Amino acid sequence: FKKVTGTTIYQYYLHKQMELAQQLLNKGHSVNDVALKVGYSTVGHF
């Protein structure tokens, strides 16, 4: 994966996760809802 993409699987996943979170927040979703939708169990960690 790293050889082909130049990044780790975790960094790729984190990028996609944060990209989605940003889009949802920009659409007006609450921080709590976004945290849960992108896979975090606590708002603080998100």
PDB file of all heavy atoms in Angstrom:
ATOM      1  N   PHE A   1       0.840  -1.201   0.000  1.00  0.00           N
ATOM      2  CA  PHE A   1       0.000   0.000   0.000  1.00  0.00           C
ATOM      3  C   PHE A   1       0.871   1.245   0.000  1.00  0.00           C
ATOM      4  O   PHE A   1       0.657   2.167  -0.779  1.00  0.00           O
ATOM      5  CB  PHE A   1      -0.938   0.003   1.213  1.00  0.00           C
ATOM      6  CG  PHE A   1      -1.972   1.082   1.162  1.00  0.00           C
ATOM      7  CD1 PHE A   1      -3.198   0.860   0.570  1.00  0.00           C
ATOM      8  CD2 PHE A   1      -1.722   2.339   1.703  1.00  0.00           C
ATOM      9  CE1 PHE A   1      -4.166   1.855   0.512  1.00  0.00           C
ATOM     10  CE2 PHE A   1      -2.676   3.347   1.652  1.00  0.00           C
ATOM     11  CZ  PHE A   1      -3.897   3.106   1.055  1.00  0.00           C
ATOM     12  N   LYS A   2       1.874   1.268   0.868  1.00  0.00           N
ATOM     13  CA  LYS A   2       2.755   2.432   0.954  1.00  0.00           C
ATOM     14  C   LYS A   2       3.556   2.618  -0.330  1.00  0.00           C
ATOM     15  O   LYS A   2       3.756   3.742  -0.787  1.00  0.00           O
ATOM     16  CB  LYS A   2       3.683   2.335   2.146  1.00  0.00           C
ATOM     17  CG  LYS A   2       4.506   3.601   2.320  1.00  0.00           C
ATOM     18  CD  LYS A   2       5.016   3.778   3.698  1.00  0.00           C
ATOM     19  CE  LYS A   2       5.673   5.149   3.775  1.00  0.00           C
ATOM     20  NZ  LYS A   2       5.982   5.542   5.100  1.00  0.00           N
ATOM     21  N   LYS A   3       3.988   1.527  -0.930  1.00  0.00           N
ATOM     22  CA  LYS A   3       4.755   1.613  -2.177  1.00  0.00           C
ATOM     23  C   LYS A   3       3.910   2.216  -3.295  1.00  0.00           C
ATOM     24  O   LYS A   3       4.381   3.038  -4.073  1.00  0.00           O
ATOM     25  CB  LYS A   3       5.252   0.221  -2.582  1.00  0.00           C
ATOM     26  CG  LYS A   3       6.152   0.224  -3.789  1.00  0.00           C
ATOM     27  CD  LYS A   3       6.675  -1.161  -4.085  1.00  0.00           C
ATOM     28  CE  LYS A   3       7.597  -1.150  -5.288  1.00  0.00           C
ATOM     29  NZ  LYS A   3       8.087  -2.486  -5.611  1.00  0.00           N
ATOM     30  N   VAL A   4       2.660   1.811  -3.373  1.00  0.00           N
ATOM     31  CA  VAL A   4       1.771   2.275  -4.445  1.00  0.00           C
ATOM     32  C   VAL A   4       1.261   3.692  -4.194  1.00  0.00           C
ATOM     33  O   VAL A   4       1.208   4.510  -5.112  1.00  0.00           O
ATOM     34  CB  VAL A   4       0.580   1.301  -4.629  1.00  0.00           C
ATOM     35  CG1 VAL A   4      -0.465   1.868  -5.561  1.00  0.00           C
ATOM     36  CG2 VAL A   4       1.083  -0.040  -5.138  1.00  0.00           C
ATOM     37  N   THR A   5       0.883   3.992  -2.945  1.00  0.00           N
ATOM     38  CA  THR A   5       0.236   5.276  -2.662  1.00  0.00           C
ATOM     39  C   THR A   5       1.168   6.332  -2.085  1.00  0.00           C
ATOM     40  O   THR A   5       0.852   7.515  -2.099  1.00  0.00           O
ATOM     41  CB  THR A   5      -0.925   5.094  -1.664  1.00  0.00           C
ATOM     42  OG1 THR A   5      -0.401   4.676  -0.405  1.00  0.00           O
ATOM     43  CG2 THR A   5      -1.954   4.120  -2.191  1.00  0.00           C
ATOM     44  N   GLY A   6       2.285   5.887  -1.518  1.00  0.00           N
ATOM     45  CA  GLY A   6       3.201   6.829  -0.888  1.00  0.00           C
ATOM     46  C   GLY A   6       2.804   7.206   0.529  1.00  0.00           C
ATOM     47  O   GLY A   6       3.403   8.091   1.132  1.00  0.00           O
ATOM     48  N   THR A   7       1.789   6.552   1.052  1.00  0.00           N
ATOM     49  CA  THR A   7       1.320   6.829   2.410  1.00  0.00           C
ATOM     50  C   THR A   7       0.915   5.525   3.080  1.00  0.00           C
ATOM     51  O   THR A   7       0.715   4.521   2.414  1.00  0.00           O
ATOM     52  CB  THR A   7       0.148   7.839   2.398  1.00  0.00           C
ATOM     53  OG1 THR A   7      -0.118   8.280   3.725  1.00  0.00           O
ATOM     54  CG2 THR A   7      -1.107   7.249   1.781  1.00  0.00           C
ATOM     55  N   THR A   8       0.765   5.576   4.381  1.00  0.00           N
ATOM     56  CA  THR A   8       0.339   4.377   5.092  1.00  0.00           C
ATOM     57  C   THR A   8      -1.172   4.216   4.995  1.00  0.00           C
ATOM     58  O   THR A   8      -1.893   5.183   4.701  1.00  0.00           O
ATOM     59  CB  THR A   8       0.725   4.455   6.585  1.00  0.00           C
ATOM     60  OG1 THR A   8      -0.018   5.515   7.208  1.00  0.00           O
ATOM     61  CG2 THR A   8       2.218   4.671   6.770  1.00  0.00           C
ATOM     62  N   ILE A   9      -1.631   3.015   5.281  1.00  0.00           N
ATOM     63  CA  ILE A   9      -3.074   2.760   5.284  1.00  0.00           C
ATOM     64  C   ILE A   9      -3.747   3.646   6.317  1.00  0.00           C
ATOM     65  O   ILE A   9      -4.794   4.242   6.052  1.00  0.00           O
ATOM     66  CB  ILE A   9      -3.369   1.273   5.566  1.00  0.00           C
ATOM     67  CG1 ILE A   9      -2.869   0.410   4.408  1.00  0.00           C
ATOM     68  CG2 ILE A   9      -4.855   1.041   5.808  1.00  0.00           C
ATOM     69  CD1 ILE A   9      -2.916  -1.081   4.669  1.00  0.00           C
ATOM     70  N   TYR A  10      -3.127   3.767   7.501  1.00  0.00           N
ATOM     71  CA  TYR A  10      -3.708   4.596   8.556  1.00  0.00           C
ATOM     72  C   TYR A  10      -3.800   6.057   8.128  1.00  0.00           C
ATOM     73  O   TYR A  10      -4.835   6.704   8.318  1.00  0.00           O
ATOM     74  CB  TYR A  10      -2.900   4.494   9.852  1.00  0.00           C
ATOM     75  CG  TYR A  10      -3.421   5.436  10.904  1.00  0.00           C
ATOM     76  CD1 TYR A  10      -4.606   5.162  11.571  1.00  0.00           C
ATOM     77  CD2 TYR A  10      -2.744   6.611  11.196  1.00  0.00           C
ATOM     78  CE1 TYR A  10      -5.110   6.049  12.513  1.00  0.00           C
ATOM     79  CE2 TYR A  10      -3.243   7.488  12.137  1.00  0.00           C
ATOM     80  CZ  TYR A  10      -4.417   7.213  12.789  1.00  0.00           C
ATOM     81  OH  TYR A  10      -4.923   8.097  13.712  1.00  0.00           O
ATOM     82  N   GLN A  11      -2.750   6.616   7.538  1.00  0.00           N
ATOM     83  CA  GLN A  11      -2.781   8.015   7.114  1.00  0.00           C
ATOM     84  C   GLN A  11      -3.821   8.237   6.012  1.00  0.00           C
ATOM     85  O   GLN A  11      -4.500   9.262   5.989  1.00  0.00           O
ATOM     86  CB  GLN A  11      -1.394   8.470   6.645  1.00  0.00           C
ATOM     87  CG  GLN A  11      -0.415   8.657   7.771  1.00  0.00           C
ATOM     88  CD  GLN A  11      -0.831   9.729   8.754  1.00  0.00           C
ATOM     89  OE1 GLN A  11      -1.369  10.757   8.390  1.00  0.00           O
ATOM     90  NE2 GLN A  11      -0.604   9.456  10.031  1.00  0.00           N
ATOM     91  N   TYR A  12      -3.961   7.285   5.134  1.00  0.00           N
ATOM     92  CA  TYR A  12      -4.969   7.377   4.082  1.00  0.00           C
ATOM     93  C   TYR A  12      -6.370   7.381   4.697  1.00  0.00           C
ATOM     94  O   TYR A  12      -7.216   8.209   4.347  1.00  0.00           O
ATOM     95  CB  TYR A  12      -4.819   6.206   3.103  1.00  0.00           C
ATOM     96  CG  TYR A  12      -5.848   6.209   2.002  1.00  0.00           C
ATOM     97  CD1 TYR A  12      -5.671   6.992   0.874  1.00  0.00           C
ATOM     98  CD2 TYR A  12      -6.998   5.421   2.094  1.00  0.00           C
ATOM     99  CE1 TYR A  12      -6.613   7.005  -0.145  1.00  0.00           C
ATOM    100  CE2 TYR A  12      -7.945   5.430   1.084  1.00  0.00           C
ATOM    101  CZ  TYR A  12      -7.754   6.219  -0.036  1.00  0.00           C
ATOM    102  OH  TYR A  12      -8.693   6.236  -1.022  1.00  0.00           O
ATOM    103  N   TYR A  13      -6.595   6.469   5.629  1.00  0.00           N
ATOM    104  CA  TYR A  13      -7.884   6.387   6.297  1.00  0.00           C
ATOM    105  C   TYR A  13      -8.176   7.675   7.071  1.00  0.00           C
ATOM    106  O   TYR A  13      -9.280   8.226   6.989  1.00  0.00           O
ATOM    107  CB  TYR A  13      -7.913   5.187   7.244  1.00  0.00           C
ATOM    108  CG  TYR A  13      -9.162   5.111   8.087  1.00  0.00           C
ATOM    109  CD1 TYR A  13     -10.358   4.671   7.546  1.00  0.00           C
ATOM    110  CD2 TYR A  13      -9.141   5.507   9.422  1.00  0.00           C
ATOM    111  CE1 TYR A  13     -11.513   4.620   8.303  1.00  0.00           C
ATOM    112  CE2 TYR A  13     -10.298   5.462  10.186  1.00  0.00           C
ATOM    113  CZ  TYR A  13     -11.472   5.022   9.629  1.00  0.00           C
ATOM    114  OH  TYR A  13     -12.607   4.981  10.378  1.00  0.00           O
ATOM    115  N   LEU A  14      -7.184   8.173   7.800  1.00  0.00           N
ATOM    116  CA  LEU A  14      -7.359   9.406   8.574  1.00  0.00           C
ATOM    117  C   LEU A  14      -7.690  10.576   7.655  1.00  0.00           C
ATOM    118  O   LEU A  14      -8.575  11.382   7.956  1.00  0.00           O
ATOM    119  CB  LEU A  14      -6.099   9.703   9.391  1.00  0.00           C
ATOM    120  CG  LEU A  14      -6.145  10.958  10.254  1.00  0.00           C
ATOM    121  CD1 LEU A  14      -7.228  10.829  11.341  1.00  0.00           C
ATOM    122  CD2 LEU A  14      -4.785  11.211  10.889  1.00  0.00           C
ATOM    123  N   HIS A  15      -7.012  10.654   6.521  1.00  0.00           N
ATOM    124  CA  HIS A  15      -7.289  11.723   5.564  1.00  0.00           C
ATOM    125  C   HIS A  15      -8.738  11.665   5.082  1.00  0.00           C
ATOM    126  O   HIS A  15      -9.434  12.681   5.061  1.00  0.00           O
ATOM    127  CB  HIS A  15      -6.327  11.619   4.372  1.00  0.00           C
ATOM    128  CG  HIS A  15      -6.634  12.572   3.271  1.00  0.00           C
ATOM    129  ND1 HIS A  15      -6.360  13.919   3.342  1.00  0.00           N
ATOM    130  CD2 HIS A  15      -7.226  12.372   2.069  1.00  0.00           C
ATOM    131  CE1 HIS A  15      -6.774  14.504   2.236  1.00  0.00           C
ATOM    132  NE2 HIS A  15      -7.294  13.576   1.437  1.00  0.00           N
ATOM    133  N   LYS A  16      -9.188  10.484   4.700  1.00  0.00           N
ATOM    134  CA  LYS A  16     -10.571  10.335   4.227  1.00  0.00           C
ATOM    135  C   LYS A  16     -11.569  10.648   5.346  1.00  0.00           C
ATOM    136  O   LYS A  16     -12.598  11.281   5.116  1.00  0.00           O
ATOM    137  CB  LYS A  16     -10.813   8.923   3.681  1.00  0.00           C
ATOM    138  CG  LYS A  16     -10.066   8.634   2.403  1.00  0.00           C
ATOM    139  CD  LYS A  16     -10.550   9.568   1.307  1.00  0.00           C
ATOM    140  CE  LYS A  16      -9.902   9.287  -0.010  1.00  0.00           C
ATOM    141  NZ  LYS A  16     -10.330  10.223  -1.051  1.00  0.00           N
ATOM    142  N   GLN A  17     -11.259  10.208   6.553  1.00  0.00           N
ATOM    143  CA  GLN A  17     -12.122  10.440   7.709  1.00  0.00           C
ATOM    144  C   GLN A  17     -12.246  11.943   7.997  1.00  0.00           C
ATOM    145  O   GLN A  17     -13.350  12.462   8.191  1.00  0.00           O
ATOM    146  CB  GLN A  17     -11.527   9.705   8.905  1.00  0.00           C
ATOM    147  CG  GLN A  17     -12.370   9.690  10.137  1.00  0.00           C
ATOM    148  CD  GLN A  17     -11.650   8.953  11.250  1.00  0.00           C
ATOM    149  OE1 GLN A  17     -10.480   9.220  11.527  1.00  0.00           O
ATOM    150  NE2 GLN A  17     -12.343   8.028  11.881  1.00  0.00           N
ATOM    151  N   MET A  18     -11.135  12.645   7.992  1.00  0.00           N
ATOM    152  CA  MET A  18     -11.141  14.082   8.280  1.00  0.00           C
ATOM    153  C   MET A  18     -11.784  14.879   7.151  1.00  0.00           C
ATOM    154  O   MET A  18     -12.480  15.863   7.380  1.00  0.00           O
ATOM    155  CB  MET A  18      -9.723  14.585   8.554  1.00  0.00           C
ATOM    156  CG  MET A  18      -9.137  14.081   9.848  1.00  0.00           C
ATOM    157  SD  MET A  18     -10.034  14.697  11.306  1.00  0.00           S
ATOM    158  CE  MET A  18     -10.573  13.156  12.034  1.00  0.00           C
ATOM    159  N   GLU A  19     -11.573  14.426   5.929  1.00  0.00           N
ATOM    160  CA  GLU A  19     -12.209  15.063   4.774  1.00  0.00           C
ATOM    161  C   GLU A  19     -13.734  14.978   4.882  1.00  0.00           C
ATOM    162  O   GLU A  19     -14.446  15.965   4.672  1.00  0.00           O
ATOM    163  CB  GLU A  19     -11.719  14.352   3.506  1.00  0.00           C
ATOM    164  CG  GLU A  19     -11.828  15.122   2.249  1.00  0.00           C
ATOM    165  CD  GLU A  19     -11.162  14.366   1.109  1.00  0.00           C
ATOM    166  OE1 GLU A  19     -11.662  13.286   0.717  1.00  0.00           O
ATOM    167  OE2 GLU A  19     -10.129  14.849   0.614  1.00  0.00           O
ATOM    168  N   LEU A  20     -14.241  13.799   5.235  1.00  0.00           N
ATOM    169  CA  LEU A  20     -15.677  13.619   5.413  1.00  0.00           C
ATOM    170  C   LEU A  20     -16.186  14.453   6.576  1.00  0.00           C
ATOM    171  O   LEU A  20     -17.234  15.102   6.473  1.00  0.00           O
ATOM    172  CB  LEU A  20     -16.009  12.137   5.641  1.00  0.00           C
ATOM    173  CG  LEU A  20     -17.468  11.808   5.940  1.00  0.00           C
ATOM    174  CD1 LEU A  20     -18.389  12.277   4.814  1.00  0.00           C
ATOM    175  CD2 LEU A  20     -17.633  10.309   6.188  1.00  0.00           C
ATOM    176  N   ALA A  21     -15.456  14.475   7.666  1.00  0.00           N
ATOM    177  CA  ALA A  21     -15.851  15.270   8.835  1.00  0.00           C
ATOM    178  C   ALA A  21     -15.966  16.741   8.463  1.00  0.00           C
ATOM    179  O   ALA A  21     -16.940  17.408   8.820  1.00  0.00           O
ATOM    180  CB  ALA A  21     -14.846  15.077   9.967  1.00  0.00           C
ATOM    181  N   GLN A  22     -15.003  17.240   7.729  1.00  0.00           N
ATOM    182  CA  GLN A  22     -15.018  18.638   7.312  1.00  0.00           C
ATOM    183  C   GLN A  22     -16.238  18.933   6.434  1.00  0.00           C
ATOM    184  O   GLN A  22     -16.919  19.942   6.611  1.00  0.00           O
ATOM    185  CB  GLN A  22     -13.736  18.967   6.565  1.00  0.00           C
ATOM    186  CG  GLN A  22     -13.614  20.423   6.169  1.00  0.00           C
ATOM    187  CD  GLN A  22     -12.332  20.703   5.421  1.00  0.00           C
ATOM    188  OE1 GLN A  22     -11.890  19.884   4.600  1.00  0.00           O
ATOM    189  NE2 GLN A  22     -11.722  21.833   5.692  1.00  0.00           N
ATOM    190  N   GLN A  23     -16.544  18.049   5.517  1.00  0.00           N
ATOM    191  CA  GLN A  23     -17.705  18.228   4.644  1.00  0.00           C
ATOM    192  C   GLN A  23     -19.002  18.263   5.449  1.00  0.00           C
ATOM    193  O   GLN A  23     -19.869  19.109   5.217  1.00  0.00           O
ATOM    194  CB  GLN A  23     -17.773  17.111   3.607  1.00  0.00           C
ATOM    195  CG  GLN A  23     -16.694  17.172   2.560  1.00  0.00           C
ATOM    196  CD  GLN A  23     -16.678  15.923   1.679  1.00  0.00           C
ATOM    197  OE1 GLN A  23     -17.515  15.036   1.797  1.00  0.00           O
ATOM    198  NE2 GLN A  23     -15.689  15.844   0.796  1.00  0.00           N
ATOM    199  N   LEU A  24     -19.138  17.342   6.395  1.00  0.00           N
ATOM    200  CA  LEU A  24     -20.352  17.285   7.210  1.00  0.00           C
ATOM    201  C   LEU A  24     -20.499  18.531   8.084  1.00  0.00           C
ATOM    202  O   LEU A  24     -21.596  19.075   8.217  1.00  0.00           O
ATOM    203  CB  LEU A  24     -20.358  16.025   8.077  1.00  0.00           C
ATOM    204  CG  LEU A  24     -20.481  14.709   7.313  1.00  0.00           C
ATOM    205  CD1 LEU A  24     -20.231  13.516   8.249  1.00  0.00           C
ATOM    206  CD2 LEU A  24     -21.834  14.589   6.643  1.00  0.00           C
ATOM    207  N   LEU A  25     -19.403  18.980   8.655  1.00  0.00           N
ATOM    208  CA  LEU A  25     -19.451  20.201   9.471  1.00  0.00           C
ATOM    209  C   LEU A  25     -19.835  21.405   8.617  1.00  0.00           C
ATOM    210  O   LEU A  25     -20.625  22.252   9.037  1.00  0.00           O
ATOM    211  CB  LEU A  25     -18.114  20.437  10.165  1.00  0.00           C
ATOM    212  CG  LEU A  25     -17.785  19.478  11.294  1.00  0.00           C
ATOM    213  CD1 LEU A  25     -16.323  19.591  11.690  1.00  0.00           C
ATOM    214  CD2 LEU A  25     -18.692  19.721  12.504  1.00  0.00           C
ATOM    215  N   ASN A  26     -19.287  21.460   7.411  1.00  0.00           N
ATOM    216  CA  ASN A  26     -19.614  22.571   6.508  1.00  0.00           C
ATOM    217  C   ASN A  26     -21.078  22.556   6.082  1.00  0.00           C
ATOM    218  O   ASN A  26     -21.620  23.591   5.716  1.00  0.00           O
ATOM    219  CB  ASN A  26     -18.711  22.553   5.272  1.00  0.00           C
ATOM    220  CG  ASN A  26     -17.312  23.036   5.574  1.00  0.00           C
ATOM    221  OD1 ASN A  26     -17.097  23.813   6.497  1.00  0.00           O
ATOM    222  ND2 ASN A  26     -16.346  22.565   4.802  1.00  0.00           N
ATOM    223  N   LYS A  27     -21.710  21.384   6.135  1.00  0.00           N
ATOM    224  CA  LYS A  27     -23.128  21.271   5.798  1.00  0.00           C
ATOM    225  C   LYS A  27     -24.024  21.572   6.998  1.00  0.00           C
ATOM    226  O   LYS A  27     -25.241  21.501   6.881  1.00  0.00           O
ATOM    227  CB  LYS A  27     -23.444  19.868   5.270  1.00  0.00           C
ATOM    228  CG  LYS A  27     -22.870  19.613   3.897  1.00  0.00           C
ATOM    229  CD  LYS A  27     -23.222  18.225   3.418  1.00  0.00           C
ATOM    230  CE  LYS A  27     -22.641  17.953   2.042  1.00  0.00           C
ATOM    231  NZ  LYS A  27     -22.935  16.598   1.584  1.00  0.00           N
ATOM    232  N   GLY A  28     -23.411  21.846   8.157  1.00  0.00           N
ATOM    233  CA  GLY A  28     -24.198  22.233   9.321  1.00  0.00           C
ATOM    234  C   GLY A  28     -24.472  21.142  10.332  1.00  0.00           C
ATOM    235  O   GLY A  28     -25.218  21.352  11.286  1.00  0.00           O
ATOM    236  N   HIS A  29     -23.891  19.971  10.161  1.00  0.00           N
ATOM    237  CA  HIS A  29     -24.073  18.892  11.136  1.00  0.00           C
ATOM    238  C   HIS A  29     -23.379  19.260  12.437  1.00  0.00           C
ATOM    239  O   HIS A  29     -22.358  19.945  12.434  1.00  0.00           O
ATOM    240  CB  HIS A  29     -23.495  17.571  10.606  1.00  0.00           C
ATOM    241  CG  HIS A  29     -24.233  17.012   9.447  1.00  0.00           C
ATOM    242  ND1 HIS A  29     -25.223  16.071   9.573  1.00  0.00           N
ATOM    243  CD2 HIS A  29     -24.122  17.268   8.122  1.00  0.00           C
ATOM    244  CE1 HIS A  29     -25.690  15.760   8.378  1.00  0.00           C
ATOM    245  NE2 HIS A  29     -25.035  16.475   7.475  1.00  0.00           N
ATOM    246  N   SER A  30     -23.910  18.791  13.539  1.00  0.00           N
ATOM    247  CA  SER A  30     -23.304  19.081  14.843  1.00  0.00           C
ATOM    248  C   SER A  30     -21.992  18.316  14.995  1.00  0.00           C
ATOM    249  O   SER A  30     -21.792  17.266  14.377  1.00  0.00           O
ATOM    250  CB  SER A  30     -24.254  18.693  15.978  1.00  0.00           C
ATOM    251  OG  SER A  30     -24.313  17.288  16.123  1.00  0.00           O
ATOM    252  N   VAL A  31     -21.116  18.847  15.836  1.00  0.00           N
ATOM    253  CA  VAL A  31     -19.827  18.202  16.080  1.00  0.00           C
ATOM    254  C   VAL A  31     -20.055  16.800  16.640  1.00  0.00           C
ATOM    255  O   VAL A  31     -19.380  15.842  16.245  1.00  0.00           O
ATOM    256  CB  VAL A  31     -18.955  19.048  17.027  1.00  0.00           C
ATOM    257  CG1 VAL A  31     -17.670  18.310  17.391  1.00  0.00           C
ATOM    258  CG2 VAL A  31     -18.625  20.392  16.392  1.00  0.00           C
ATOM    259  N   ASN A  32     -21.020  16.662  17.530  1.00  0.00           N
ATOM    260  CA  ASN A  32     -21.324  15.358  18.124  1.00  0.00           C
ATOM    261  C   ASN A  32     -21.756  14.356  17.054  1.00  0.00           C
ATOM    262  O   ASN A  32     -21.267  13.224  17.015  1.00  0.00           O
ATOM    263  CB  ASN A  32     -22.405  15.497  19.188  1.00  0.00           C
ATOM    264  CG  ASN A  32     -22.596  14.226  19.978  1.00  0.00           C
ATOM    265  OD1 ASN A  32     -21.633  13.687  20.511  1.00  0.00           O
ATOM    266  ND2 ASN A  32     -23.827  13.755  20.050  1.00  0.00           N
ATOM    267  N   ASP A  33     -22.659  14.758  16.181  1.00  0.00           N
ATOM    268  CA  ASP A  33     -23.118  13.869  15.110  1.00  0.00           C
ATOM    269  C   ASP A  33     -21.977  13.484  14.158  1.00  0.00           C
ATOM    270  O   ASP A  33     -21.858  12.335  13.763  1.00  0.00           O
ATOM    271  CB  ASP A  33     -24.244  14.525  14.300  1.00  0.00           C
ATOM    272  CG  ASP A  33     -25.564  14.548  15.040  1.00  0.00           C
ATOM    273  OD1 ASP A  33     -25.699  13.840  16.061  1.00  0.00           O
ATOM    274  OD2 ASP A  33     -26.473  15.289  14.600  1.00  0.00           O
ATOM    275  N   VAL A  34     -21.158  14.450  13.825  1.00  0.00           N
ATOM    276  CA  VAL A  34     -20.042  14.190  12.917  1.00  0.00           C
ATOM    277  C   VAL A  34     -19.064  13.207  13.546  1.00  0.00           C
ATOM    278  O   VAL A  34     -18.612  12.263  12.898  1.00  0.00           O
ATOM    279  CB  VAL A  34     -19.331  15.501  12.516  1.00  0.00           C
ATOM    280  CG1 VAL A  34     -18.053  15.209  11.736  1.00  0.00           C
ATOM    281  CG2 VAL A  34     -20.263  16.383  11.694  1.00  0.00           C
ATOM    282  N   ALA A  35     -18.756  13.415  14.812  1.00  0.00           N
ATOM    283  CA  ALA A  35     -17.831  12.511  15.515  1.00  0.00           C
ATOM    284  C   ALA A  35     -18.323  11.075  15.421  1.00  0.00           C
ATOM    285  O   ALA A  35     -17.553  10.163  15.085  1.00  0.00           O
ATOM    286  CB  ALA A  35     -17.686  12.929  16.975  1.00  0.00           C
ATOM    287  N   LEU A  36     -19.594  10.864  15.671  1.00  0.00           N
ATOM    288  CA  LEU A  36     -20.155   9.513  15.611  1.00  0.00           C
ATOM    289  C   LEU A  36     -20.187   8.982  14.184  1.00  0.00           C
ATOM    290  O   LEU A  36     -19.876   7.814  13.946  1.00  0.00           O
ATOM    291  CB  LEU A  36     -21.557   9.501  16.219  1.00  0.00           C
ATOM    292  CG  LEU A  36     -21.635   9.794  17.713  1.00  0.00           C
ATOM    293  CD1 LEU A  36     -23.085   9.912  18.163  1.00  0.00           C
ATOM    294  CD2 LEU A  36     -20.897   8.748  18.523  1.00  0.00           C
ATOM    295  N   LYS A  37     -20.537   9.833  13.228  1.00  0.00           N
ATOM    296  CA  LYS A  37     -20.637   9.391  11.829  1.00  0.00           C
ATOM    297  C   LYS A  37     -19.301   8.983  11.232  1.00  0.00           C
ATOM    298  O   LYS A  37     -19.250   8.132  10.353  1.00  0.00           O
ATOM    299  CB  LYS A  37     -21.269  10.485  10.968  1.00  0.00           C
ATOM    300  CG  LYS A  37     -22.756  10.613  11.171  1.00  0.00           C
ATOM    301  CD  LYS A  37     -23.356  11.696  10.310  1.00  0.00           C
ATOM    302  CE  LYS A  37     -24.832  11.818  10.607  1.00  0.00           C
ATOM    303  NZ  LYS A  37     -25.500  12.838   9.818  1.00  0.00           N
ATOM    304  N   VAL A  38     -18.227   9.602  11.692  1.00  0.00           N
ATOM    305  CA  VAL A  38     -16.917   9.259  11.122  1.00  0.00           C
ATOM    306  C   VAL A  38     -16.158   8.249  11.972  1.00  0.00           C
ATOM    307  O   VAL A  38     -15.010   7.936  11.687  1.00  0.00           O
ATOM    308  CB  VAL A  38     -16.043  10.505  10.832  1.00  0.00           C
ATOM    309  CG1 VAL A  38     -16.709  11.405   9.809  1.00  0.00           C
ATOM    310  CG2 VAL A  38     -15.686  11.250  12.100  1.00  0.00           C
ATOM    311  N   GLY A  39     -16.814   7.720  13.015  1.00  0.00           N
ATOM    312  CA  GLY A  39     -16.236   6.586  13.724  1.00  0.00           C
ATOM    313  C   GLY A  39     -15.639   6.819  15.091  1.00  0.00           C
ATOM    314  O   GLY A  39     -14.982   5.928  15.633  1.00  0.00           O
ATOM    315  N   TYR A  40     -15.834   7.978  15.676  1.00  0.00           N
ATOM    316  CA  TYR A  40     -15.308   8.233  17.016  1.00  0.00           C
ATOM    317  C   TYR A  40     -16.386   7.986  18.058  1.00  0.00           C
ATOM    318  O   TYR A  40     -17.538   8.341  17.859  1.00  0.00           O
ATOM    319  CB  TYR A  40     -14.795   9.675  17.129  1.00  0.00           C
ATOM    320  CG  TYR A  40     -13.513   9.887  16.363  1.00  0.00           C
ATOM    321  CD1 TYR A  40     -13.537  10.190  15.008  1.00  0.00           C
ATOM    322  CD2 TYR A  40     -12.281   9.750  16.977  1.00  0.00           C
ATOM    323  CE1 TYR A  40     -12.365  10.365  14.297  1.00  0.00           C
ATOM    324  CE2 TYR A  40     -11.103   9.925  16.278  1.00  0.00           C
ATOM    325  CZ  TYR A  40     -11.146  10.223  14.936  1.00  0.00           C
ATOM    326  OH  TYR A  40      -9.988  10.382  14.236  1.00  0.00           O
ATOM    327  N   SER A  41     -16.000   7.397  19.168  1.00  0.00           N
ATOM    328  CA  SER A  41     -16.974   7.122  20.228  1.00  0.00           C
ATOM    329  C   SER A  41     -17.101   8.288  21.190  1.00  0.00           C
ATOM    330  O   SER A  41     -18.082   8.377  21.927  1.00  0.00           O
ATOM    331  CB  SER A  41     -16.612   5.845  20.989  1.00  0.00           C
ATOM    332  OG  SER A  41     -15.316   5.956  21.535  1.00  0.00           O
ATOM    333  N   THR A  42     -16.116   9.199  21.186  1.00  0.00           N
ATOM    334  CA  THR A  42     -16.207  10.380  22.043  1.00  0.00           C
ATOM    335  C   THR A  42     -15.927  11.643  21.230  1.00  0.00           C
ATOM    336  O   THR A  42     -15.072  11.636  20.337  1.00  0.00           O
ATOM    337  CB  THR A  42     -15.211  10.332  23.226  1.00  0.00           C
ATOM    338  OG1 THR A  42     -13.881  10.414  22.715  1.00  0.00           O
ATOM    339  CG2 THR A  42     -15.389   9.069  24.053  1.00  0.00           C
ATOM    340  N   VAL A  43     -16.632  12.690  21.560  1.00  0.00           N
ATOM    341  CA  VAL A  43     -16.447  13.967  20.878  1.00  0.00           C
ATOM    342  C   VAL A  43     -15.066  14.530  21.193  1.00  0.00           C
ATOM    343  O   VAL A  43     -14.423  15.138  20.335  1.00  0.00           O
ATOM    344  CB  VAL A  43     -17.553  14.968  21.280  1.00  0.00           C
ATOM    345  CG1 VAL A  43     -17.304  16.332  20.663  1.00  0.00           C
ATOM    346  CG2 VAL A  43     -18.906  14.448  20.866  1.00  0.00           C
ATOM    347  N   GLY A  44     -14.607  14.317  22.421  1.00  0.00           N
ATOM    348  CA  GLY A  44     -13.304  14.833  22.820  1.00  0.00           C
ATOM    349  C   GLY A  44     -12.172  14.291  21.971  1.00  0.00           C
ATOM    350  O   GLY A  44     -11.299  15.036  21.528  1.00  0.00           O
ATOM    351  N   HIS A  45     -12.181  12.995  21.725  1.00  0.00           N
ATOM    352  CA  HIS A  45     -11.130  12.385  20.905  1.00  0.00           C
ATOM    353  C   HIS A  45     -11.233  12.860  19.463  1.00  0.00           C
ATOM    354  O   HIS A  45     -10.226  13.151  18.817  1.00  0.00           O
ATOM    355  CB  HIS A  45     -11.206  10.862  20.985  1.00  0.00           C
ATOM    356  CG  HIS A  45     -10.038  10.181  20.359  1.00  0.00           C
ATOM    357  ND1 HIS A  45     -10.173   9.101  19.526  1.00  0.00           N
ATOM    358  CD2 HIS A  45      -8.704  10.434  20.412  1.00  0.00           C
ATOM    359  CE1 HIS A  45      -8.983   8.724  19.100  1.00  0.00           C
ATOM    360  NE2 HIS A  45      -8.073   9.511  19.622  1.00  0.00           N
ATOM    361  N   PHE A  46     -12.446  12.952  18.948  1.00  0.00           N
ATOM    362  CA  PHE A  46     -12.643  13.475  17.595  1.00  0.00           C
ATOM    363  C   PHE A  46     -12.119  14.904  17.489  1.00  0.00           C
ATOM    364  O   PHE A  46     -11.385  15.239  16.555  1.00  0.00           O
ATOM    365  CB  PHE A  46     -14.117  13.425  17.189  1.00  0.00           C
ATOM    366  CG  PHE A  46     -14.417  14.246  15.968  1.00  0.00           C
ATOM    367  CD1 PHE A  46     -13.977  13.835  14.715  1.00  0.00           C
ATOM    368  CD2 PHE A  46     -15.114  15.440  16.063  1.00  0.00           C
ATOM    369  CE1 PHE A  46     -14.222  14.598  13.579  1.00  0.00           C
ATOM    370  CE2 PHE A  46     -15.368  16.205  14.939  1.00  0.00           C
ATOM    371  CZ  PHE A  46     -14.920  15.786  13.693  1.00  0.00           C
TER     372      PHE A  46
END
